[in-house]
Amino acid sequence: MRKLDPIKHEQKRQEILAAAMRCFLRSGLSGASTAQICAEASISPGHLYHYFESKDAIIAAMADARLEGASERVKQEVHGGGSVISALQSEFEQPASAAQSALFFEMLAESRRNPAMGKILHGRSRSMRNLIAEVIRHGQARGEIQPALHPETAAMAILGLMDARKAVSLHDPKQDAKKVTALFKLFINGLLCSDGKTAKPSRPRTPAQRSRSA
């Protein structure tokens, strides 16, 4: 039996995920079939199942990657000397096209109809809320965040604001994204900041850090 090369396996897995994302952005969540994904990735349907058992498994992997990326970015910011609040604010600067935002809301809508999709997205949402709540508790211990604030409730509010930012480009594609993002960051500062102080601005990330976060 041929031995599996873990590096090549992961490379191919990432290629399939990238191909699937292109299909989802082009055809929508429901419109993109596994056959289309296989054609985009230049593999056979049988080959696909060496990496993912279903389209839902592909979506789960995408959700995991999003969570892992957010976790790494926040930890880099906090451990790199930035404030906890600026670490959370920086998540509002993550680029998202109108097509990506539309796909996100399509996934949310599908989670109401598809139990498997609901399990995937609800589980990842809980993980994201837990990450934000953990960061908030860390900020409270450092005296940066209001001590009376309930971390889990605040985390849910922040997650809702993150989703709202995605909706802006769908409501009005001509809106100035930088101005809207700046306003959302002010909302976060007002929600979390202790004694009315303003959070220390985040330090610009180096090209290497931006590459790792992509």
N, C-alpha and C. Protein backbone atom coordinates (compact mmCIF):
# COMPACT_ATOMS: atom_id res chain seq x y z
N MET A 1 0.85 -1.20 0.00
CA MET A 1 0.00 0.00 0.00
C MET A 1 0.88 1.25 0.00
N ARG A 2 0.55 2.21 -0.88
CA ARG A 2 1.34 3.43 -0.96
C ARG A 2 1.14 4.29 0.28
N LYS A 3 2.26 4.81 0.78
CA LYS A 3 2.20 5.62 1.99
C LYS A 3 1.69 7.02 1.67
N LEU A 4 0.83 7.54 2.53
CA LEU A 4 0.27 8.87 2.34
C LEU A 4 1.30 9.94 2.68
N ASP A 5 1.49 10.89 1.79
CA ASP A 5 2.37 12.04 2.05
C ASP A 5 1.51 13.14 2.66
N PRO A 6 1.67 13.41 3.96
CA PRO A 6 0.78 14.39 4.62
C PRO A 6 0.87 15.80 4.04
N ILE A 7 2.05 16.17 3.57
CA ILE A 7 2.22 17.52 3.01
C ILE A 7 1.45 17.65 1.70
N LYS A 8 1.63 16.66 0.81
CA LYS A 8 0.91 16.70 -0.47
C LYS A 8 -0.60 16.57 -0.25
N HIS A 9 -0.98 15.76 0.74
CA HIS A 9 -2.40 15.59 1.05
C HIS A 9 -3.02 16.93 1.46
N GLU A 10 -2.33 17.66 2.33
CA GLU A 10 -2.85 18.95 2.79
C GLU A 10 -2.86 19.97 1.67
N GLN A 11 -1.83 19.94 0.82
CA GLN A 11 -1.80 20.88 -0.32
C GLN A 11 -3.00 20.65 -1.24
N LYS A 12 -3.29 19.39 -1.52
CA LYS A 12 -4.43 19.08 -2.39
C LYS A 12 -5.74 19.45 -1.71
N ARG A 13 -5.78 19.24 -0.42
CA ARG A 13 -6.99 19.59 0.34
C ARG A 13 -7.25 21.09 0.24
N GLN A 14 -6.21 21.90 0.35
CA GLN A 14 -6.36 23.35 0.25
C GLN A 14 -6.75 23.76 -1.17
N GLU A 15 -6.23 23.06 -2.16
CA GLU A 15 -6.60 23.34 -3.55
C GLU A 15 -8.10 23.08 -3.77
N ILE A 16 -8.59 22.00 -3.17
CA ILE A 16 -10.01 21.67 -3.31
C ILE A 16 -10.87 22.73 -2.61
N LEU A 17 -10.44 23.16 -1.44
CA LEU A 17 -11.19 24.20 -0.72
C LEU A 17 -11.22 25.50 -1.53
N ALA A 18 -10.11 25.86 -2.14
CA ALA A 18 -10.07 27.07 -2.96
C ALA A 18 -10.99 26.93 -4.17
N ALA A 19 -10.98 25.75 -4.78
CA ALA A 19 -11.85 25.50 -5.93
C ALA A 19 -13.32 25.56 -5.52
N ALA A 20 -13.63 24.99 -4.36
CA ALA A 20 -15.01 25.02 -3.86
C ALA A 20 -15.47 26.44 -3.60
N MET A 21 -14.58 27.26 -3.02
CA MET A 21 -14.95 28.65 -2.75
C MET A 21 -15.26 29.39 -4.05
N ARG A 22 -14.46 29.15 -5.08
CA ARG A 22 -14.73 29.80 -6.37
C ARG A 22 -16.09 29.37 -6.91
N CYS A 23 -16.40 28.10 -6.76
CA CYS A 23 -17.71 27.60 -7.23
C CYS A 23 -18.85 28.22 -6.43
N PHE A 24 -18.69 28.29 -5.11
CA PHE A 24 -19.73 28.86 -4.26
C PHE A 24 -19.95 30.34 -4.59
N LEU A 25 -18.87 31.08 -4.81
CA LEU A 25 -19.00 32.50 -5.12
C LEU A 25 -19.63 32.71 -6.49
N ARG A 26 -19.37 31.79 -7.38
CA ARG A 26 -19.89 31.92 -8.76
C ARG A 26 -21.33 31.44 -8.88
N SER A 27 -21.64 30.31 -8.23
CA SER A 27 -22.94 29.67 -8.43
C SER A 27 -23.84 29.66 -7.20
N GLY A 28 -23.33 30.12 -6.07
CA GLY A 28 -24.10 30.07 -4.84
C GLY A 28 -23.93 28.74 -4.14
N LEU A 29 -24.36 28.70 -2.90
CA LEU A 29 -24.19 27.50 -2.09
C LEU A 29 -24.96 26.33 -2.66
N SER A 30 -26.21 26.56 -3.02
CA SER A 30 -27.04 25.48 -3.55
C SER A 30 -26.70 25.15 -4.99
N GLY A 31 -26.31 26.16 -5.75
CA GLY A 31 -26.04 25.96 -7.17
C GLY A 31 -24.76 25.22 -7.46
N ALA A 32 -23.79 25.29 -6.54
CA ALA A 32 -22.51 24.63 -6.76
C ALA A 32 -22.61 23.17 -6.33
N SER A 33 -22.49 22.27 -7.27
CA SER A 33 -22.57 20.83 -6.98
C SER A 33 -21.18 20.27 -6.75
N THR A 34 -21.13 19.07 -6.19
CA THR A 34 -19.83 18.42 -6.00
C THR A 34 -19.17 18.15 -7.35
N ALA A 35 -19.98 17.89 -8.38
CA ALA A 35 -19.42 17.68 -9.72
C ALA A 35 -18.72 18.94 -10.22
N GLN A 36 -19.34 20.11 -9.99
CA GLN A 36 -18.71 21.36 -10.39
C GLN A 36 -17.42 21.60 -9.62
N ILE A 37 -17.45 21.29 -8.32
CA ILE A 37 -16.25 21.46 -7.50
C ILE A 37 -15.12 20.57 -8.00
N CYS A 38 -15.45 19.34 -8.34
CA CYS A 38 -14.45 18.40 -8.85
C CYS A 38 -13.86 18.91 -10.17
N ALA A 39 -14.73 19.42 -11.05
CA ALA A 39 -14.26 19.95 -12.33
C ALA A 39 -13.34 21.15 -12.10
N GLU A 40 -13.71 22.01 -11.17
CA GLU A 40 -12.91 23.20 -10.86
C GLU A 40 -11.55 22.81 -10.29
N ALA A 41 -11.53 21.75 -9.50
CA ALA A 41 -10.30 21.29 -8.86
C ALA A 41 -9.52 20.30 -9.72
N SER A 42 -10.09 19.94 -10.88
CA SER A 42 -9.46 18.98 -11.81
C SER A 42 -9.23 17.62 -11.16
N ILE A 43 -10.26 17.12 -10.48
CA ILE A 43 -10.20 15.80 -9.87
C ILE A 43 -11.50 15.06 -10.18
N SER A 44 -11.48 13.76 -10.00
CA SER A 44 -12.68 12.96 -10.20
C SER A 44 -13.50 12.95 -8.92
N PRO A 45 -14.81 12.69 -9.01
CA PRO A 45 -15.64 12.60 -7.79
C PRO A 45 -15.09 11.57 -6.80
N GLY A 46 -14.59 10.45 -7.33
CA GLY A 46 -14.03 9.44 -6.44
C GLY A 46 -12.81 9.95 -5.71
N HIS A 47 -12.02 10.77 -6.39
CA HIS A 47 -10.82 11.34 -5.78
C HIS A 47 -11.19 12.32 -4.67
N LEU A 48 -12.29 13.05 -4.86
CA LEU A 48 -12.72 14.04 -3.87
C LEU A 48 -12.91 13.40 -2.50
N TYR A 49 -13.46 12.19 -2.49
CA TYR A 49 -13.81 11.57 -1.22
C TYR A 49 -12.60 11.05 -0.45
N HIS A 50 -11.41 11.17 -1.05
CA HIS A 50 -10.19 10.91 -0.27
C HIS A 50 -9.90 12.08 0.66
N TYR A 51 -10.55 13.24 0.39
CA TYR A 51 -10.27 14.46 1.15
C TYR A 51 -11.48 14.96 1.93
N PHE A 52 -12.66 14.86 1.32
CA PHE A 52 -13.87 15.33 1.97
C PHE A 52 -15.00 14.35 1.66
N GLU A 53 -15.77 14.01 2.67
CA GLU A 53 -16.81 13.01 2.47
C GLU A 53 -18.08 13.58 1.85
N SER A 54 -18.22 14.92 1.86
CA SER A 54 -19.43 15.54 1.31
C SER A 54 -19.21 17.04 1.13
N LYS A 55 -20.18 17.68 0.49
CA LYS A 55 -20.11 19.13 0.34
C LYS A 55 -20.19 19.80 1.70
N ASP A 56 -20.99 19.23 2.60
CA ASP A 56 -21.08 19.78 3.96
C ASP A 56 -19.73 19.73 4.66
N ALA A 57 -18.96 18.67 4.41
CA ALA A 57 -17.63 18.57 5.03
C ALA A 57 -16.69 19.65 4.49
N ILE A 58 -16.86 20.01 3.23
CA ILE A 58 -16.07 21.10 2.65
C ILE A 58 -16.42 22.42 3.34
N ILE A 59 -17.72 22.64 3.53
CA ILE A 59 -18.17 23.87 4.19
C ILE A 59 -17.68 23.91 5.63
N ALA A 60 -17.70 22.77 6.31
CA ALA A 60 -17.20 22.71 7.68
C ALA A 60 -15.72 23.08 7.73
N ALA A 61 -14.95 22.60 6.76
CA ALA A 61 -13.52 22.92 6.72
C ALA A 61 -13.30 24.41 6.49
N MET A 62 -14.14 25.02 5.64
CA MET A 62 -14.04 26.46 5.41
C MET A 62 -14.34 27.24 6.69
N ALA A 63 -15.38 26.80 7.42
CA ALA A 63 -15.73 27.47 8.68
C ALA A 63 -14.62 27.31 9.70
N ASP A 64 -13.99 26.15 9.74
CA ASP A 64 -12.88 25.92 10.66
C ASP A 64 -11.71 26.84 10.33
N ALA A 65 -11.43 27.00 9.03
CA ALA A 65 -10.32 27.85 8.62
C ALA A 65 -10.57 29.30 9.01
N ARG A 66 -11.82 29.74 8.88
CA ARG A 66 -12.17 31.11 9.27
C ARG A 66 -11.95 31.31 10.77
N LEU A 67 -12.37 30.32 11.56
CA LEU A 67 -12.21 30.41 13.02
C LEU A 67 -10.73 30.40 13.40
N GLU A 68 -9.96 29.52 12.78
CA GLU A 68 -8.53 29.43 13.08
C GLU A 68 -7.81 30.73 12.71
N GLY A 69 -8.20 31.32 11.58
CA GLY A 69 -7.60 32.57 11.15
C GLY A 69 -7.88 33.70 12.14
N ALA A 70 -9.14 33.80 12.58
CA ALA A 70 -9.50 34.84 13.55
C ALA A 70 -8.76 34.64 14.86
N SER A 71 -8.67 33.40 15.32
CA SER A 71 -7.98 33.10 16.58
C SER A 71 -6.51 33.50 16.50
N GLU A 72 -5.86 33.17 15.38
CA GLU A 72 -4.44 33.49 15.22
C GLU A 72 -4.23 35.00 15.17
N ARG A 73 -5.08 35.70 14.44
CA ARG A 73 -4.93 37.16 14.33
C ARG A 73 -5.08 37.84 15.68
N VAL A 74 -6.10 37.44 16.44
CA VAL A 74 -6.35 38.07 17.74
C VAL A 74 -5.19 37.78 18.70
N LYS A 75 -4.73 36.55 18.73
CA LYS A 75 -3.63 36.21 19.63
C LYS A 75 -2.34 36.93 19.25
N GLN A 76 -2.08 37.07 17.95
CA GLN A 76 -0.90 37.81 17.51
C GLN A 76 -0.96 39.26 17.98
N GLU A 77 -2.14 39.86 17.86
CA GLU A 77 -2.31 41.26 18.25
C GLU A 77 -2.09 41.44 19.75
N VAL A 78 -2.73 40.59 20.56
CA VAL A 78 -2.65 40.71 22.02
C VAL A 78 -1.23 40.41 22.51
N HIS A 79 -0.66 39.31 22.03
CA HIS A 79 0.68 38.93 22.49
C HIS A 79 1.76 39.82 21.89
N GLY A 80 1.42 40.55 20.83
CA GLY A 80 2.38 41.44 20.21
C GLY A 80 2.41 42.83 20.85
N GLY A 81 1.65 43.02 21.91
CA GLY A 81 1.67 44.29 22.62
C GLY A 81 0.47 45.17 22.39
N GLY A 82 -0.44 44.76 21.51
CA GLY A 82 -1.64 45.56 21.27
C GLY A 82 -2.66 45.37 22.37
N SER A 83 -3.65 46.25 22.40
CA SER A 83 -4.70 46.12 23.41
C SER A 83 -5.70 45.06 22.98
N VAL A 84 -6.43 44.54 23.95
CA VAL A 84 -7.46 43.55 23.67
C VAL A 84 -8.54 44.14 22.77
N ILE A 85 -8.92 45.38 23.05
CA ILE A 85 -9.97 46.01 22.25
C ILE A 85 -9.52 46.22 20.81
N SER A 86 -8.27 46.67 20.62
CA SER A 86 -7.79 46.87 19.25
C SER A 86 -7.70 45.54 18.51
N ALA A 87 -7.43 44.45 19.25
CA ALA A 87 -7.40 43.13 18.62
C ALA A 87 -8.77 42.76 18.07
N LEU A 88 -9.82 43.04 18.85
CA LEU A 88 -11.18 42.76 18.39
C LEU A 88 -11.58 43.72 17.27
N GLN A 89 -11.18 44.97 17.39
CA GLN A 89 -11.50 45.94 16.34
C GLN A 89 -10.88 45.56 15.00
N SER A 90 -9.68 44.99 15.05
CA SER A 90 -8.98 44.66 13.81
C SER A 90 -9.72 43.61 12.99
N GLU A 91 -10.57 42.81 13.65
CA GLU A 91 -11.34 41.81 12.92
C GLU A 91 -12.34 42.46 11.96
N PHE A 92 -12.71 43.71 12.22
CA PHE A 92 -13.63 44.42 11.35
C PHE A 92 -12.93 44.91 10.08
N GLU A 93 -11.61 44.82 10.06
CA GLU A 93 -10.84 45.25 8.90
C GLU A 93 -10.59 44.12 7.91
N GLN A 94 -11.01 42.90 8.26
CA GLN A 94 -10.78 41.77 7.36
C GLN A 94 -11.58 41.96 6.08
N PRO A 95 -10.91 41.85 4.93
CA PRO A 95 -11.60 42.11 3.64
C PRO A 95 -12.65 41.07 3.34
N ALA A 96 -13.76 41.53 2.78
CA ALA A 96 -14.83 40.62 2.35
C ALA A 96 -15.56 41.28 1.18
N SER A 97 -15.59 40.59 0.07
CA SER A 97 -16.29 41.12 -1.10
C SER A 97 -17.80 40.96 -0.91
N ALA A 98 -18.56 41.62 -1.77
CA ALA A 98 -20.02 41.49 -1.70
C ALA A 98 -20.43 40.04 -1.94
N ALA A 99 -19.71 39.34 -2.84
CA ALA A 99 -20.02 37.94 -3.11
C ALA A 99 -19.75 37.07 -1.89
N GLN A 100 -18.66 37.34 -1.19
CA GLN A 100 -18.34 36.57 0.02
C GLN A 100 -19.37 36.82 1.11
N SER A 101 -19.80 38.08 1.24
CA SER A 101 -20.81 38.41 2.23
C SER A 101 -22.14 37.72 1.90
N ALA A 102 -22.50 37.73 0.63
CA ALA A 102 -23.74 37.09 0.21
C ALA A 102 -23.69 35.59 0.49
N LEU A 103 -22.53 34.98 0.26
CA LEU A 103 -22.37 33.56 0.52
C LEU A 103 -22.54 33.25 2.00
N PHE A 104 -21.99 34.12 2.85
CA PHE A 104 -22.12 33.93 4.30
C PHE A 104 -23.59 33.92 4.72
N PHE A 105 -24.36 34.87 4.22
CA PHE A 105 -25.77 34.93 4.61
C PHE A 105 -26.58 33.79 3.98
N GLU A 106 -26.15 33.34 2.81
CA GLU A 106 -26.80 32.17 2.21
C GLU A 106 -26.58 30.94 3.09
N MET A 107 -25.38 30.82 3.64
CA MET A 107 -25.09 29.71 4.56
C MET A 107 -25.97 29.79 5.81
N LEU A 108 -26.12 30.99 6.34
CA LEU A 108 -26.97 31.15 7.53
C LEU A 108 -28.41 30.76 7.22
N ALA A 109 -28.91 31.18 6.05
CA ALA A 109 -30.28 30.84 5.68
C ALA A 109 -30.42 29.33 5.50
N GLU A 110 -29.43 28.72 4.88
CA GLU A 110 -29.48 27.27 4.64
C GLU A 110 -29.44 26.49 5.96
N SER A 111 -28.79 27.07 6.98
CA SER A 111 -28.69 26.38 8.27
C SER A 111 -30.06 26.22 8.94
N ARG A 112 -31.04 27.04 8.54
CA ARG A 112 -32.40 26.90 9.08
C ARG A 112 -33.14 25.74 8.44
N ARG A 113 -32.73 25.37 7.22
CA ARG A 113 -33.42 24.30 6.48
C ARG A 113 -32.67 22.97 6.54
N ASN A 114 -31.37 23.06 6.69
CA ASN A 114 -30.52 21.88 6.62
C ASN A 114 -29.89 21.61 7.99
N PRO A 115 -30.33 20.57 8.70
CA PRO A 115 -29.80 20.29 10.04
C PRO A 115 -28.28 20.11 10.06
N ALA A 116 -27.74 19.49 9.01
CA ALA A 116 -26.29 19.28 8.95
C ALA A 116 -25.56 20.61 8.86
N MET A 117 -26.08 21.50 8.02
CA MET A 117 -25.50 22.83 7.90
C MET A 117 -25.66 23.61 9.20
N GLY A 118 -26.83 23.48 9.83
CA GLY A 118 -27.06 24.15 11.10
C GLY A 118 -26.07 23.70 12.16
N LYS A 119 -25.80 22.41 12.21
CA LYS A 119 -24.84 21.89 13.19
C LYS A 119 -23.44 22.46 12.96
N ILE A 120 -23.06 22.56 11.68
CA ILE A 120 -21.74 23.11 11.34
C ILE A 120 -21.63 24.57 11.78
N LEU A 121 -22.57 25.39 11.32
CA LEU A 121 -22.47 26.83 11.56
C LEU A 121 -22.70 27.20 13.01
N HIS A 122 -23.66 26.52 13.66
CA HIS A 122 -23.92 26.85 15.06
C HIS A 122 -22.73 26.47 15.93
N GLY A 123 -22.10 25.33 15.61
CA GLY A 123 -20.92 24.92 16.37
C GLY A 123 -19.77 25.89 16.21
N ARG A 124 -19.55 26.35 14.98
CA ARG A 124 -18.45 27.31 14.75
C ARG A 124 -18.79 28.67 15.35
N SER A 125 -20.05 29.05 15.34
CA SER A 125 -20.44 30.32 15.97
C SER A 125 -20.18 30.27 17.47
N ARG A 126 -20.51 29.14 18.09
CA ARG A 126 -20.23 28.99 19.52
C ARG A 126 -18.74 29.10 19.80
N SER A 127 -17.94 28.48 18.94
CA SER A 127 -16.49 28.55 19.13
C SER A 127 -15.98 29.98 18.99
N MET A 128 -16.54 30.72 18.02
CA MET A 128 -16.14 32.11 17.83
C MET A 128 -16.56 32.96 19.02
N ARG A 129 -17.77 32.73 19.52
CA ARG A 129 -18.22 33.47 20.70
C ARG A 129 -17.33 33.16 21.90
N ASN A 130 -16.96 31.89 22.05
CA ASN A 130 -16.09 31.51 23.16
C ASN A 130 -14.73 32.19 23.05
N LEU A 131 -14.21 32.29 21.83
CA LEU A 131 -12.93 32.97 21.62
C LEU A 131 -13.03 34.44 22.02
N ILE A 132 -14.09 35.12 21.56
CA ILE A 132 -14.26 36.54 21.87
C ILE A 132 -14.45 36.73 23.37
N ALA A 133 -15.25 35.86 24.00
CA ALA A 133 -15.50 35.96 25.44
C ALA A 133 -14.20 35.77 26.22
N GLU A 134 -13.36 34.84 25.77
CA GLU A 134 -12.07 34.62 26.43
C GLU A 134 -11.19 35.86 26.33
N VAL A 135 -11.19 36.50 25.17
CA VAL A 135 -10.42 37.72 24.97
C VAL A 135 -10.95 38.84 25.86
N ILE A 136 -12.26 38.93 25.97
CA ILE A 136 -12.87 39.95 26.83
C ILE A 136 -12.48 39.74 28.29
N ARG A 137 -12.53 38.49 28.74
CA ARG A 137 -12.11 38.21 30.13
C ARG A 137 -10.65 38.60 30.35
N HIS A 138 -9.82 38.34 29.35
CA HIS A 138 -8.41 38.72 29.43
C HIS A 138 -8.29 40.24 29.55
N GLY A 139 -9.10 40.96 28.76
CA GLY A 139 -9.07 42.42 28.83
C GLY A 139 -9.57 42.94 30.16
N GLN A 140 -10.56 42.28 30.74
CA GLN A 140 -11.04 42.68 32.07
C GLN A 140 -9.96 42.48 33.12
N ALA A 141 -9.22 41.39 33.02
CA ALA A 141 -8.14 41.14 33.97
C ALA A 141 -7.04 42.18 33.83
N ARG A 142 -6.87 42.73 32.63
CA ARG A 142 -5.84 43.76 32.39
C ARG A 142 -6.37 45.17 32.65
N GLY A 143 -7.64 45.30 33.01
CA GLY A 143 -8.22 46.60 33.31
C GLY A 143 -8.58 47.41 32.08
N GLU A 144 -8.62 46.80 30.90
CA GLU A 144 -8.94 47.50 29.66
C GLU A 144 -10.44 47.52 29.38
N ILE A 145 -11.14 46.53 29.90
CA ILE A 145 -12.56 46.36 29.57
C ILE A 145 -13.39 46.46 30.84
N GLN A 146 -14.58 47.04 30.70
CA GLN A 146 -15.47 47.23 31.85
C GLN A 146 -15.62 45.92 32.64
N PRO A 147 -15.33 45.93 33.94
CA PRO A 147 -15.39 44.69 34.73
C PRO A 147 -16.81 44.15 34.90
N ALA A 148 -17.82 45.03 34.80
CA ALA A 148 -19.20 44.59 35.00
C ALA A 148 -19.80 43.95 33.75
N LEU A 149 -19.10 44.03 32.64
CA LEU A 149 -19.63 43.51 31.38
C LEU A 149 -19.63 41.98 31.40
N HIS A 150 -20.74 41.38 30.97
CA HIS A 150 -20.83 39.92 30.91
C HIS A 150 -20.13 39.45 29.63
N PRO A 151 -19.02 38.69 29.74
CA PRO A 151 -18.21 38.34 28.56
C PRO A 151 -18.99 37.63 27.46
N GLU A 152 -19.83 36.65 27.83
CA GLU A 152 -20.55 35.89 26.80
C GLU A 152 -21.58 36.76 26.07
N THR A 153 -22.28 37.63 26.83
CA THR A 153 -23.27 38.50 26.20
C THR A 153 -22.59 39.51 25.29
N ALA A 154 -21.48 40.08 25.76
CA ALA A 154 -20.73 41.04 24.94
C ALA A 154 -20.18 40.36 23.68
N ALA A 155 -19.73 39.12 23.83
CA ALA A 155 -19.20 38.38 22.67
C ALA A 155 -20.28 38.18 21.62
N MET A 156 -21.51 37.89 22.06
CA MET A 156 -22.61 37.71 21.12
C MET A 156 -22.91 39.02 20.40
N ALA A 157 -22.86 40.14 21.13
CA ALA A 157 -23.12 41.44 20.52
C ALA A 157 -22.05 41.77 19.48
N ILE A 158 -20.78 41.47 19.80
CA ILE A 158 -19.68 41.74 18.86
C ILE A 158 -19.81 40.88 17.62
N LEU A 159 -20.17 39.62 17.82
CA LEU A 159 -20.36 38.72 16.67
C LEU A 159 -21.47 39.25 15.77
N GLY A 160 -22.54 39.78 16.39
CA GLY A 160 -23.63 40.36 15.61
C GLY A 160 -23.17 41.58 14.82
N LEU A 161 -22.29 42.40 15.41
CA LEU A 161 -21.77 43.56 14.70
C LEU A 161 -20.88 43.13 13.53
N MET A 162 -20.13 42.06 13.73
CA MET A 162 -19.30 41.54 12.63
C MET A 162 -20.18 41.11 11.45
N ASP A 163 -21.29 40.46 11.78
CA ASP A 163 -22.21 40.04 10.72
C ASP A 163 -22.85 41.26 10.06
N ALA A 164 -23.17 42.28 10.87
CA ALA A 164 -23.78 43.49 10.32
C ALA A 164 -22.85 44.19 9.34
N ARG A 165 -21.56 44.18 9.65
CA ARG A 165 -20.61 44.81 8.73
C ARG A 165 -20.63 44.11 7.38
N LYS A 166 -20.78 42.78 7.37
CA LYS A 166 -20.85 42.05 6.11
C LYS A 166 -22.08 42.47 5.30
N ALA A 167 -23.14 42.85 5.99
CA ALA A 167 -24.39 43.18 5.30
C ALA A 167 -24.35 44.55 4.63
N VAL A 168 -23.43 45.41 5.04
CA VAL A 168 -23.41 46.78 4.52
C VAL A 168 -23.26 46.80 3.01
N SER A 169 -22.31 46.01 2.48
CA SER A 169 -22.07 46.03 1.03
C SER A 169 -23.26 45.48 0.25
N LEU A 170 -24.08 44.66 0.90
CA LEU A 170 -25.26 44.12 0.23
C LEU A 170 -26.39 45.16 0.23
N HIS A 171 -26.47 45.94 1.31
CA HIS A 171 -27.49 47.00 1.37
C HIS A 171 -27.17 48.11 0.37
N ASP A 172 -25.88 48.49 0.31
CA ASP A 172 -25.48 49.59 -0.56
C ASP A 172 -24.02 49.39 -0.97
N PRO A 173 -23.78 48.84 -2.15
CA PRO A 173 -22.40 48.57 -2.60
C PRO A 173 -21.54 49.83 -2.74
N LYS A 174 -22.19 51.00 -2.80
CA LYS A 174 -21.43 52.23 -2.99
C LYS A 174 -20.97 52.87 -1.68
N GLN A 175 -21.34 52.28 -0.56
CA GLN A 175 -20.91 52.82 0.71
C GLN A 175 -19.40 52.77 0.85
N ASP A 176 -18.83 53.76 1.53
CA ASP A 176 -17.39 53.80 1.79
C ASP A 176 -17.07 52.80 2.90
N ALA A 177 -16.47 51.67 2.53
CA ALA A 177 -16.22 50.58 3.48
C ALA A 177 -15.31 51.02 4.62
N LYS A 178 -14.34 51.88 4.33
CA LYS A 178 -13.40 52.32 5.38
C LYS A 178 -14.12 53.16 6.43
N LYS A 179 -15.02 54.03 6.00
CA LYS A 179 -15.76 54.86 6.95
C LYS A 179 -16.71 54.02 7.80
N VAL A 180 -17.35 53.04 7.16
CA VAL A 180 -18.27 52.17 7.90
C VAL A 180 -17.50 51.33 8.91
N THR A 181 -16.35 50.81 8.49
CA THR A 181 -15.53 50.00 9.40
C THR A 181 -15.07 50.84 10.59
N ALA A 182 -14.66 52.08 10.33
CA ALA A 182 -14.22 52.97 11.41
C ALA A 182 -15.35 53.19 12.42
N LEU A 183 -16.58 53.31 11.94
CA LEU A 183 -17.71 53.51 12.83
C LEU A 183 -17.98 52.25 13.67
N PHE A 184 -17.90 51.08 13.05
CA PHE A 184 -18.07 49.84 13.80
C PHE A 184 -17.01 49.71 14.89
N LYS A 185 -15.79 50.15 14.59
CA LYS A 185 -14.71 50.08 15.58
C LYS A 185 -15.00 51.02 16.76
N LEU A 186 -15.64 52.14 16.47
CA LEU A 186 -16.05 53.04 17.55
C LEU A 186 -17.13 52.39 18.41
N PHE A 187 -18.04 51.66 17.78
CA PHE A 187 -19.06 50.94 18.54
C PHE A 187 -18.41 49.97 19.52
N ILE A 188 -17.41 49.23 19.05
CA ILE A 188 -16.71 48.26 19.90
C ILE A 188 -16.02 48.97 21.05
N ASN A 189 -15.39 50.09 20.76
CA ASN A 189 -14.70 50.84 21.80
C ASN A 189 -15.69 51.31 22.87
N GLY A 190 -16.85 51.82 22.42
CA GLY A 190 -17.85 52.29 23.36
C GLY A 190 -18.45 51.17 24.19
N LEU A 191 -18.61 50.01 23.57
CA LEU A 191 -19.18 48.87 24.28
C LEU A 191 -18.25 48.33 25.36
N LEU A 192 -16.96 48.26 25.04
CA LEU A 192 -16.04 47.54 25.91
C LEU A 192 -15.17 48.41 26.81
N CYS A 193 -14.82 49.59 26.34
CA CYS A 193 -13.75 50.34 27.00
C CYS A 193 -14.10 50.75 28.42
N SER A 194 -13.12 50.61 29.30
CA SER A 194 -13.30 50.94 30.71
C SER A 194 -13.08 52.42 30.94
N ASP A 195 -13.95 53.06 31.74
CA ASP A 195 -13.81 54.46 32.15
C ASP A 195 -13.78 55.44 30.97
N GLY A 196 -14.43 55.05 29.87
CA GLY A 196 -14.52 55.97 28.74
C GLY A 196 -13.23 56.21 28.00
N LYS A 197 -12.21 55.41 28.26
CA LYS A 197 -10.93 55.59 27.58
C LYS A 197 -11.02 55.07 26.15
N THR A 198 -10.09 55.48 25.33
CA THR A 198 -10.02 55.00 23.95
C THR A 198 -8.95 53.94 23.87
N ALA A 199 -9.24 52.87 23.18
CA ALA A 199 -8.28 51.78 23.05
C ALA A 199 -7.04 52.23 22.30
N LYS A 200 -5.89 51.69 22.71
CA LYS A 200 -4.64 51.98 22.01
C LYS A 200 -4.73 51.45 20.60
N PRO A 201 -4.38 52.28 19.60
CA PRO A 201 -4.48 51.82 18.21
C PRO A 201 -3.62 50.58 17.98
N SER A 202 -4.11 49.72 17.11
CA SER A 202 -3.33 48.53 16.79
C SER A 202 -2.15 48.92 15.93
N ARG A 203 -1.05 48.18 16.10
CA ARG A 203 0.14 48.44 15.32
C ARG A 203 -0.03 47.87 13.91
N PRO A 204 0.47 48.58 12.89
CA PRO A 204 0.34 48.04 11.52
C PRO A 204 1.02 46.69 11.43
N ARG A 205 0.38 45.73 10.77
CA ARG A 205 0.97 44.41 10.62
C ARG A 205 2.01 44.40 9.53
N THR A 206 3.04 43.61 9.71
CA THR A 206 4.08 43.47 8.70
C THR A 206 3.53 42.64 7.55
N PRO A 207 4.15 42.71 6.35
CA PRO A 207 3.70 41.87 5.23
C PRO A 207 3.65 40.38 5.59
N ALA A 208 4.64 39.93 6.40
CA ALA A 208 4.67 38.52 6.79
C ALA A 208 3.46 38.17 7.65
N GLN A 209 3.07 39.08 8.58
CA GLN A 209 1.91 38.84 9.42
C GLN A 209 0.64 38.84 8.60
N ARG A 210 0.53 39.76 7.63
CA ARG A 210 -0.67 39.80 6.78
C ARG A 210 -0.77 38.54 5.95
N SER A 211 0.37 38.02 5.51
CA SER A 211 0.37 36.78 4.72
C SER A 211 -0.13 35.61 5.55
N ARG A 212 0.29 35.52 6.82
CA ARG A 212 -0.13 34.44 7.68
C ARG A 212 -1.61 34.53 7.99
N SER A 213 -2.14 35.76 8.01
CA SER A 213 -3.55 35.96 8.37
C SER A 213 -4.49 35.74 7.20
N ALA A 214 -3.96 35.72 5.98
CA ALA A 214 -4.81 35.62 4.78
C ALA A 214 -5.52 34.29 4.70
